[in-house]
Amino acid sequence: MSDTALRVQRVVAETLKIDPDRVVENARFVEDLGAESIQSVELVAAFEEEFDISMDEEEALQVKNVQDAIKFIDKYR
């Protein structure tokens, strides 16, 4: 796993309060990891803080799984 992937995994696990082992690249935030809509906003904020980036919120909320999040964050770094 890349550095970005490991950090995304940790942030998602902490934000959603789930086991990091569940946060695999093809896991969907809502369907597989149980994220609720407010947690999607919390995830965006957590990614911005972790990676010291500013993400377009509308674009970020279109990210539906862990792999998409990794690619999206890499685009901003």
PDB file of N, CA and C in Angstrom:
ATOM      1  N   MET A   1       0.832  -1.187   0.000  1.00  0.00           N
ATOM      2  CA  MET A   1       0.000   0.000   0.000  1.00  0.00           C
ATOM      3  C   MET A   1       0.877   1.252   0.000  1.00  0.00           C
ATOM      4  N   SER A   2       0.451   2.249  -0.729  1.00  0.00           N
ATOM      5  CA  SER A   2       1.186   3.500  -0.774  1.00  0.00           C
ATOM      6  C   SER A   2       0.991   4.268   0.537  1.00  0.00           C
ATOM      7  N   ASP A   3       1.822   5.282   0.740  1.00  0.00           N
ATOM      8  CA  ASP A   3       1.689   6.138   1.916  1.00  0.00           C
ATOM      9  C   ASP A   3       0.293   6.764   1.961  1.00  0.00           C
ATOM     10  N   THR A   4      -0.173   7.248   0.815  1.00  0.00           N
ATOM     11  CA  THR A   4      -1.503   7.852   0.758  1.00  0.00           C
ATOM     12  C   THR A   4      -2.563   6.832   1.162  1.00  0.00           C
ATOM     13  N   ALA A   5      -2.466   5.632   0.632  1.00  0.00           N
ATOM     14  CA  ALA A   5      -3.452   4.585   0.928  1.00  0.00           C
ATOM     15  C   ALA A   5      -3.475   4.248   2.416  1.00  0.00           C
ATOM     16  N   LEU A   6      -2.316   4.141   3.031  1.00  0.00           N
ATOM     17  CA  LEU A   6      -2.252   3.819   4.458  1.00  0.00           C
ATOM     18  C   LEU A   6      -2.860   4.942   5.301  1.00  0.00           C
ATOM     19  N   ARG A   7      -2.583   6.171   4.923  1.00  0.00           N
ATOM     20  CA  ARG A   7      -3.129   7.315   5.662  1.00  0.00           C
ATOM     21  C   ARG A   7      -4.637   7.420   5.461  1.00  0.00           C
ATOM     22  N   VAL A   8      -5.109   7.170   4.242  1.00  0.00           N
ATOM     23  CA  VAL A   8      -6.556   7.172   3.981  1.00  0.00           C
ATOM     24  C   VAL A   8      -7.218   6.086   4.822  1.00  0.00           C
ATOM     25  N   GLN A   9      -6.629   4.911   4.844  1.00  0.00           N
ATOM     26  CA  GLN A   9      -7.174   3.798   5.628  1.00  0.00           C
ATOM     27  C   GLN A   9      -7.313   4.196   7.099  1.00  0.00           C
ATOM     28  N   ARG A  10      -6.287   4.809   7.650  1.00  0.00           N
ATOM     29  CA  ARG A  10      -6.313   5.210   9.062  1.00  0.00           C
ATOM     30  C   ARG A  10      -7.378   6.277   9.309  1.00  0.00           C
ATOM     31  N   VAL A  11      -7.439   7.287   8.447  1.00  0.00           N
ATOM     32  CA  VAL A  11      -8.412   8.376   8.610  1.00  0.00           C
ATOM     33  C   VAL A  11      -9.844   7.837   8.522  1.00  0.00           C
ATOM     34  N   VAL A  12     -10.097   6.972   7.550  1.00  0.00           N
ATOM     35  CA  VAL A  12     -11.441   6.412   7.388  1.00  0.00           C
ATOM     36  C   VAL A  12     -11.818   5.586   8.616  1.00  0.00           C
ATOM     37  N   ALA A  13     -10.902   4.741   9.077  1.00  0.00           N
ATOM     38  CA  ALA A  13     -11.183   3.901  10.240  1.00  0.00           C
ATOM     39  C   ALA A  13     -11.475   4.745  11.475  1.00  0.00           C
ATOM     40  N   GLU A  14     -10.677   5.800  11.693  1.00  0.00           N
ATOM     41  CA  GLU A  14     -10.884   6.662  12.854  1.00  0.00           C
ATOM     42  C   GLU A  14     -12.195   7.446  12.741  1.00  0.00           C
ATOM     43  N   THR A  15     -12.472   7.992  11.557  1.00  0.00           N
ATOM     44  CA  THR A  15     -13.665   8.813  11.371  1.00  0.00           C
ATOM     45  C   THR A  15     -14.943   7.990  11.494  1.00  0.00           C
ATOM     46  N   LEU A  16     -14.931   6.797  10.905  1.00  0.00           N
ATOM     47  CA  LEU A  16     -16.125   5.948  10.929  1.00  0.00           C
ATOM     48  C   LEU A  16     -16.159   5.009  12.136  1.00  0.00           C
ATOM     49  N   LYS A  17     -15.080   5.026  12.918  1.00  0.00           N
ATOM     50  CA  LYS A  17     -14.970   4.176  14.114  1.00  0.00           C
ATOM     51  C   LYS A  17     -15.166   2.702  13.765  1.00  0.00           C
ATOM     52  N   ILE A  18     -14.362   2.269  12.796  1.00  0.00           N
ATOM     53  CA  ILE A  18     -14.407   0.862  12.356  1.00  0.00           C
ATOM     54  C   ILE A  18     -13.005   0.279  12.361  1.00  0.00           C
ATOM     55  N   ASP A  19     -12.919  -1.030  12.227  1.00  0.00           N
ATOM     56  CA  ASP A  19     -11.642  -1.738  12.164  1.00  0.00           C
ATOM     57  C   ASP A  19     -10.921  -1.357  10.870  1.00  0.00           C
ATOM     58  N   PRO A  20      -9.663  -0.929  10.948  1.00  0.00           N
ATOM     59  CA  PRO A  20      -8.916  -0.557   9.741  1.00  0.00           C
ATOM     60  C   PRO A  20      -8.852  -1.678   8.693  1.00  0.00           C
ATOM     61  N   ASP A  21      -8.943  -2.920   9.118  1.00  0.00           N
ATOM     62  CA  ASP A  21      -8.900  -4.044   8.172  1.00  0.00           C
ATOM     63  C   ASP A  21     -10.101  -4.053   7.227  1.00  0.00           C
ATOM     64  N   ARG A  22     -11.186  -3.390   7.614  1.00  0.00           N
ATOM     65  CA  ARG A  22     -12.368  -3.301   6.738  1.00  0.00           C
ATOM     66  C   ARG A  22     -12.166  -2.286   5.619  1.00  0.00           C
ATOM     67  N   VAL A  23     -11.185  -1.385   5.785  1.00  0.00           N
ATOM     68  CA  VAL A  23     -10.979  -0.287   4.839  1.00  0.00           C
ATOM     69  C   VAL A  23     -10.039  -0.765   3.732  1.00  0.00           C
ATOM     70  N   VAL A  24     -10.620  -1.505   2.783  1.00  0.00           N
ATOM     71  CA  VAL A  24      -9.869  -2.000   1.626  1.00  0.00           C
ATOM     72  C   VAL A  24     -10.183  -1.107   0.430  1.00  0.00           C
ATOM     73  N   GLU A  25      -9.349  -1.165  -0.604  1.00  0.00           N
ATOM     74  CA  GLU A  25      -9.456  -0.213  -1.713  1.00  0.00           C
ATOM     75  C   GLU A  25     -10.811  -0.205  -2.417  1.00  0.00           C
ATOM     76  N   ASN A  26     -11.469  -1.353  -2.523  1.00  0.00           N
ATOM     77  CA  ASN A  26     -12.746  -1.372  -3.242  1.00  0.00           C
ATOM     78  C   ASN A  26     -13.950  -1.176  -2.312  1.00  0.00           C
ATOM     79  N   ALA A  27     -13.695  -0.913  -1.018  1.00  0.00           N
ATOM     80  CA  ALA A  27     -14.793  -0.710  -0.062  1.00  0.00           C
ATOM     81  C   ALA A  27     -15.492   0.618  -0.335  1.00  0.00           C
ATOM     82  N   ARG A  28     -16.823   0.534  -0.440  1.00  0.00           N
ATOM     83  CA  ARG A  28     -17.631   1.744  -0.638  1.00  0.00           C
ATOM     84  C   ARG A  28     -17.957   2.330   0.734  1.00  0.00           C
ATOM     85  N   PHE A  29     -17.873   3.650   0.829  1.00  0.00           N
ATOM     86  CA  PHE A  29     -18.057   4.299   2.127  1.00  0.00           C
ATOM     87  C   PHE A  29     -19.424   4.034   2.732  1.00  0.00           C
ATOM     88  N   VAL A  30     -20.480   4.187   1.965  1.00  0.00           N
ATOM     89  CA  VAL A  30     -21.834   4.036   2.501  1.00  0.00           C
ATOM     90  C   VAL A  30     -22.228   2.565   2.574  1.00  0.00           C
ATOM     91  N   GLU A  31     -22.171   1.875   1.445  1.00  0.00           N
ATOM     92  CA  GLU A  31     -22.679   0.506   1.374  1.00  0.00           C
ATOM     93  C   GLU A  31     -21.853  -0.496   2.177  1.00  0.00           C
ATOM     94  N   ASP A  32     -20.518  -0.380   2.113  1.00  0.00           N
ATOM     95  CA  ASP A  32     -19.659  -1.388   2.753  1.00  0.00           C
ATOM     96  C   ASP A  32     -19.181  -0.978   4.149  1.00  0.00           C
ATOM     97  N   LEU A  33     -18.970   0.324   4.347  1.00  0.00           N
ATOM     98  CA  LEU A  33     -18.381   0.778   5.606  1.00  0.00           C
ATOM     99  C   LEU A  33     -19.383   1.480   6.516  1.00  0.00           C
ATOM    100  N   GLY A  34     -20.617   1.649   6.049  1.00  0.00           N
ATOM    101  CA  GLY A  34     -21.680   2.174   6.888  1.00  0.00           C
ATOM    102  C   GLY A  34     -21.645   3.674   7.154  1.00  0.00           C
ATOM    103  N   ALA A  35     -20.976   4.426   6.300  1.00  0.00           N
ATOM    104  CA  ALA A  35     -20.922   5.879   6.497  1.00  0.00           C
ATOM    105  C   ALA A  35     -22.301   6.495   6.297  1.00  0.00           C
ATOM    106  N   GLU A  36     -22.649   7.426   7.167  1.00  0.00           N
ATOM    107  CA  GLU A  36     -23.884   8.187   7.010  1.00  0.00           C
ATOM    108  C   GLU A  36     -23.524   9.502   6.333  1.00  0.00           C
ATOM    109  N   SER A  37     -24.519  10.229   5.848  1.00  0.00           N
ATOM    110  CA  SER A  37     -24.242  11.432   5.068  1.00  0.00           C
ATOM    111  C   SER A  37     -23.395  12.449   5.819  1.00  0.00           C
ATOM    112  N   ILE A  38     -23.633  12.651   7.098  1.00  0.00           N
ATOM    113  CA  ILE A  38     -22.827  13.616   7.858  1.00  0.00           C
ATOM    114  C   ILE A  38     -21.383  13.147   7.947  1.00  0.00           C
ATOM    115  N   GLN A  39     -21.169  11.846   7.980  1.00  0.00           N
ATOM    116  CA  GLN A  39     -19.811  11.323   8.065  1.00  0.00           C
ATOM    117  C   GLN A  39     -19.044  11.541   6.762  1.00  0.00           C
ATOM    118  N   SER A  40     -19.756  11.659   5.653  1.00  0.00           N
ATOM    119  CA  SER A  40     -19.086  11.954   4.389  1.00  0.00           C
ATOM    120  C   SER A  40     -18.425  13.325   4.463  1.00  0.00           C
ATOM    121  N   VAL A  41     -19.124  14.277   5.048  1.00  0.00           N
ATOM    122  CA  VAL A  41     -18.566  15.618   5.224  1.00  0.00           C
ATOM    123  C   VAL A  41     -17.396  15.559   6.209  1.00  0.00           C
ATOM    124  N   GLU A  42     -17.540  14.772   7.259  1.00  0.00           N
ATOM    125  CA  GLU A  42     -16.465  14.615   8.242  1.00  0.00           C
ATOM    126  C   GLU A  42     -15.234  13.983   7.593  1.00  0.00           C
ATOM    127  N   LEU A  43     -15.441  13.036   6.687  1.00  0.00           N
ATOM    128  CA  LEU A  43     -14.316  12.416   5.994  1.00  0.00           C
ATOM    129  C   LEU A  43     -13.554  13.432   5.145  1.00  0.00           C
ATOM    130  N   VAL A  44     -14.289  14.278   4.422  1.00  0.00           N
ATOM    131  CA  VAL A  44     -13.648  15.307   3.608  1.00  0.00           C
ATOM    132  C   VAL A  44     -12.792  16.199   4.506  1.00  0.00           C
ATOM    133  N   ALA A  45     -13.349  16.637   5.629  1.00  0.00           N
ATOM    134  CA  ALA A  45     -12.611  17.492   6.560  1.00  0.00           C
ATOM    135  C   ALA A  45     -11.380  16.768   7.118  1.00  0.00           C
ATOM    136  N   ALA A  46     -11.531  15.508   7.434  1.00  0.00           N
ATOM    137  CA  ALA A  46     -10.411  14.731   7.980  1.00  0.00           C
ATOM    138  C   ALA A  46      -9.310  14.549   6.936  1.00  0.00           C
ATOM    139  N   PHE A  47      -9.685  14.308   5.679  1.00  0.00           N
ATOM    140  CA  PHE A  47      -8.684  14.182   4.609  1.00  0.00           C
ATOM    141  C   PHE A  47      -7.955  15.502   4.404  1.00  0.00           C
ATOM    142  N   GLU A  48      -8.693  16.602   4.439  1.00  0.00           N
ATOM    143  CA  GLU A  48      -8.064  17.919   4.273  1.00  0.00           C
ATOM    144  C   GLU A  48      -7.046  18.172   5.375  1.00  0.00           C
ATOM    145  N   GLU A  49      -7.408  17.822   6.599  1.00  0.00           N
ATOM    146  CA  GLU A  49      -6.498  18.031   7.724  1.00  0.00           C
ATOM    147  C   GLU A  49      -5.285  17.106   7.632  1.00  0.00           C
ATOM    148  N   GLU A  50      -5.520  15.830   7.363  1.00  0.00           N
ATOM    149  CA  GLU A  50      -4.445  14.839   7.304  1.00  0.00           C
ATOM    150  C   GLU A  50      -3.424  15.174   6.216  1.00  0.00           C
ATOM    151  N   PHE A  51      -3.914  15.592   5.060  1.00  0.00           N
ATOM    152  CA  PHE A  51      -3.030  15.798   3.915  1.00  0.00           C
ATOM    153  C   PHE A  51      -2.708  17.267   3.657  1.00  0.00           C
ATOM    154  N   ASP A  52      -3.215  18.156   4.510  1.00  0.00           N
ATOM    155  CA  ASP A  52      -2.991  19.593   4.380  1.00  0.00           C
ATOM    156  C   ASP A  52      -3.330  20.072   2.974  1.00  0.00           C
ATOM    157  N   ILE A  53      -4.547  19.741   2.551  1.00  0.00           N
ATOM    158  CA  ILE A  53      -5.040  20.134   1.232  1.00  0.00           C
ATOM    159  C   ILE A  53      -6.410  20.776   1.388  1.00  0.00           C
ATOM    160  N   SER A  54      -6.857  21.416   0.328  1.00  0.00           N
ATOM    161  CA  SER A  54      -8.199  21.977   0.290  1.00  0.00           C
ATOM    162  C   SER A  54      -8.922  21.316  -0.879  1.00  0.00           C
ATOM    163  N   MET A  55      -9.959  20.573  -0.567  1.00  0.00           N
ATOM    164  CA  MET A  55     -10.672  19.809  -1.583  1.00  0.00           C
ATOM    165  C   MET A  55     -11.974  20.513  -1.943  1.00  0.00           C
ATOM    166  N   ASP A  56     -12.353  20.471  -3.204  1.00  0.00           N
ATOM    167  CA  ASP A  56     -13.653  20.975  -3.616  1.00  0.00           C
ATOM    168  C   ASP A  56     -14.702  20.032  -3.037  1.00  0.00           C
ATOM    169  N   GLU A  57     -15.566  20.553  -2.172  1.00  0.00           N
ATOM    170  CA  GLU A  57     -16.500  19.690  -1.442  1.00  0.00           C
ATOM    171  C   GLU A  57     -17.471  18.965  -2.361  1.00  0.00           C
ATOM    172  N   GLU A  58     -17.982  19.647  -3.379  1.00  0.00           N
ATOM    173  CA  GLU A  58     -18.918  18.994  -4.300  1.00  0.00           C
ATOM    174  C   GLU A  58     -18.247  17.823  -5.017  1.00  0.00           C
ATOM    175  N   GLU A  59     -17.017  18.038  -5.492  1.00  0.00           N
ATOM    176  CA  GLU A  59     -16.271  16.956  -6.154  1.00  0.00           C
ATOM    177  C   GLU A  59     -15.973  15.846  -5.163  1.00  0.00           C
ATOM    178  N   ALA A  60     -15.541  16.224  -3.969  1.00  0.00           N
ATOM    179  CA  ALA A  60     -15.155  15.235  -2.964  1.00  0.00           C
ATOM    180  C   ALA A  60     -16.323  14.341  -2.573  1.00  0.00           C
ATOM    181  N   LEU A  61     -17.510  14.908  -2.520  1.00  0.00           N
ATOM    182  CA  LEU A  61     -18.672  14.110  -2.123  1.00  0.00           C
ATOM    183  C   LEU A  61     -19.095  13.125  -3.212  1.00  0.00           C
ATOM    184  N   GLN A  62     -18.523  13.239  -4.402  1.00  0.00           N
ATOM    185  CA  GLN A  62     -18.782  12.274  -5.472  1.00  0.00           C
ATOM    186  C   GLN A  62     -17.897  11.029  -5.335  1.00  0.00           C
ATOM    187  N   VAL A  63     -16.888  11.101  -4.478  1.00  0.00           N
ATOM    188  CA  VAL A  63     -15.987   9.972  -4.233  1.00  0.00           C
ATOM    189  C   VAL A  63     -16.751   8.942  -3.415  1.00  0.00           C
ATOM    190  N   LYS A  64     -16.884   7.738  -3.960  1.00  0.00           N
ATOM    191  CA  LYS A  64     -17.751   6.732  -3.329  1.00  0.00           C
ATOM    192  C   LYS A  64     -17.016   5.574  -2.665  1.00  0.00           C
ATOM    193  N   ASN A  65     -15.723   5.372  -3.008  1.00  0.00           N
ATOM    194  CA  ASN A  65     -15.003   4.263  -2.379  1.00  0.00           C
ATOM    195  C   ASN A  65     -13.582   4.665  -2.019  1.00  0.00           C
ATOM    196  N   VAL A  66     -12.897   3.792  -1.327  1.00  0.00           N
ATOM    197  CA  VAL A  66     -11.565   4.090  -0.804  1.00  0.00           C
ATOM    198  C   VAL A  66     -10.578   4.353  -1.940  1.00  0.00           C
ATOM    199  N   GLN A  67     -10.612   3.547  -2.980  1.00  0.00           N
ATOM    200  CA  GLN A  67      -9.686   3.723  -4.102  1.00  0.00           C
ATOM    201  C   GLN A  67      -9.892   5.088  -4.773  1.00  0.00           C
ATOM    202  N   ASP A  68     -11.148   5.488  -4.946  1.00  0.00           N
ATOM    203  CA  ASP A  68     -11.432   6.809  -5.510  1.00  0.00           C
ATOM    204  C   ASP A  68     -10.864   7.909  -4.624  1.00  0.00           C
ATOM    205  N   ALA A  69     -10.964   7.740  -3.312  1.00  0.00           N
ATOM    206  CA  ALA A  69     -10.448   8.739  -2.374  1.00  0.00           C
ATOM    207  C   ALA A  69      -8.932   8.873  -2.508  1.00  0.00           C
ATOM    208  N   ILE A  70      -8.255   7.754  -2.636  1.00  0.00           N
ATOM    209  CA  ILE A  70      -6.790   7.767  -2.773  1.00  0.00           C
ATOM    210  C   ILE A  70      -6.399   8.523  -4.045  1.00  0.00           C
ATOM    211  N   LYS A  71      -7.041   8.202  -5.149  1.00  0.00           N
ATOM    212  CA  LYS A  71      -6.753   8.877  -6.423  1.00  0.00           C
ATOM    213  C   LYS A  71      -7.080  10.366  -6.335  1.00  0.00           C
ATOM    214  N   PHE A  72      -8.208  10.686  -5.727  1.00  0.00           N
ATOM    215  CA  PHE A  72      -8.658  12.077  -5.601  1.00  0.00           C
ATOM    216  C   PHE A  72      -7.646  12.884  -4.778  1.00  0.00           C
ATOM    217  N   ILE A  73      -7.208  12.325  -3.665  1.00  0.00           N
ATOM    218  CA  ILE A  73      -6.247  13.014  -2.797  1.00  0.00           C
ATOM    219  C   ILE A  73      -4.911  13.175  -3.494  1.00  0.00           C
ATOM    220  N   ASP A  74      -4.464  12.141  -4.188  1.00  0.00           N
ATOM    221  CA  ASP A  74      -3.201  12.239  -4.922  1.00  0.00           C
ATOM    222  C   ASP A  74      -3.235  13.360  -5.951  1.00  0.00           C
ATOM    223  N   LYS A  75      -4.412  13.638  -6.522  1.00  0.00           N
ATOM    224  CA  LYS A  75      -4.574  14.712  -7.498  1.00  0.00           C
ATOM    225  C   LYS A  75      -4.333  16.071  -6.846  1.00  0.00           C
ATOM    226  N   TYR A  76      -4.670  16.198  -5.577  1.00  0.00           N
ATOM    227  CA  TYR A  76      -4.530  17.464  -4.855  1.00  0.00           C
ATOM    228  C   TYR A  76      -3.155  17.650  -4.225  1.00  0.00           C
ATOM    229  N   ARG A  77      -2.358  16.614  -4.174  1.00  0.00           N
ATOM    230  CA  ARG A  77      -1.055  16.695  -3.515  1.00  0.00           C
ATOM    231  C   ARG A  77       0.053  17.017  -4.470  1.00  0.00           C
TER     232      ARG A  77
END
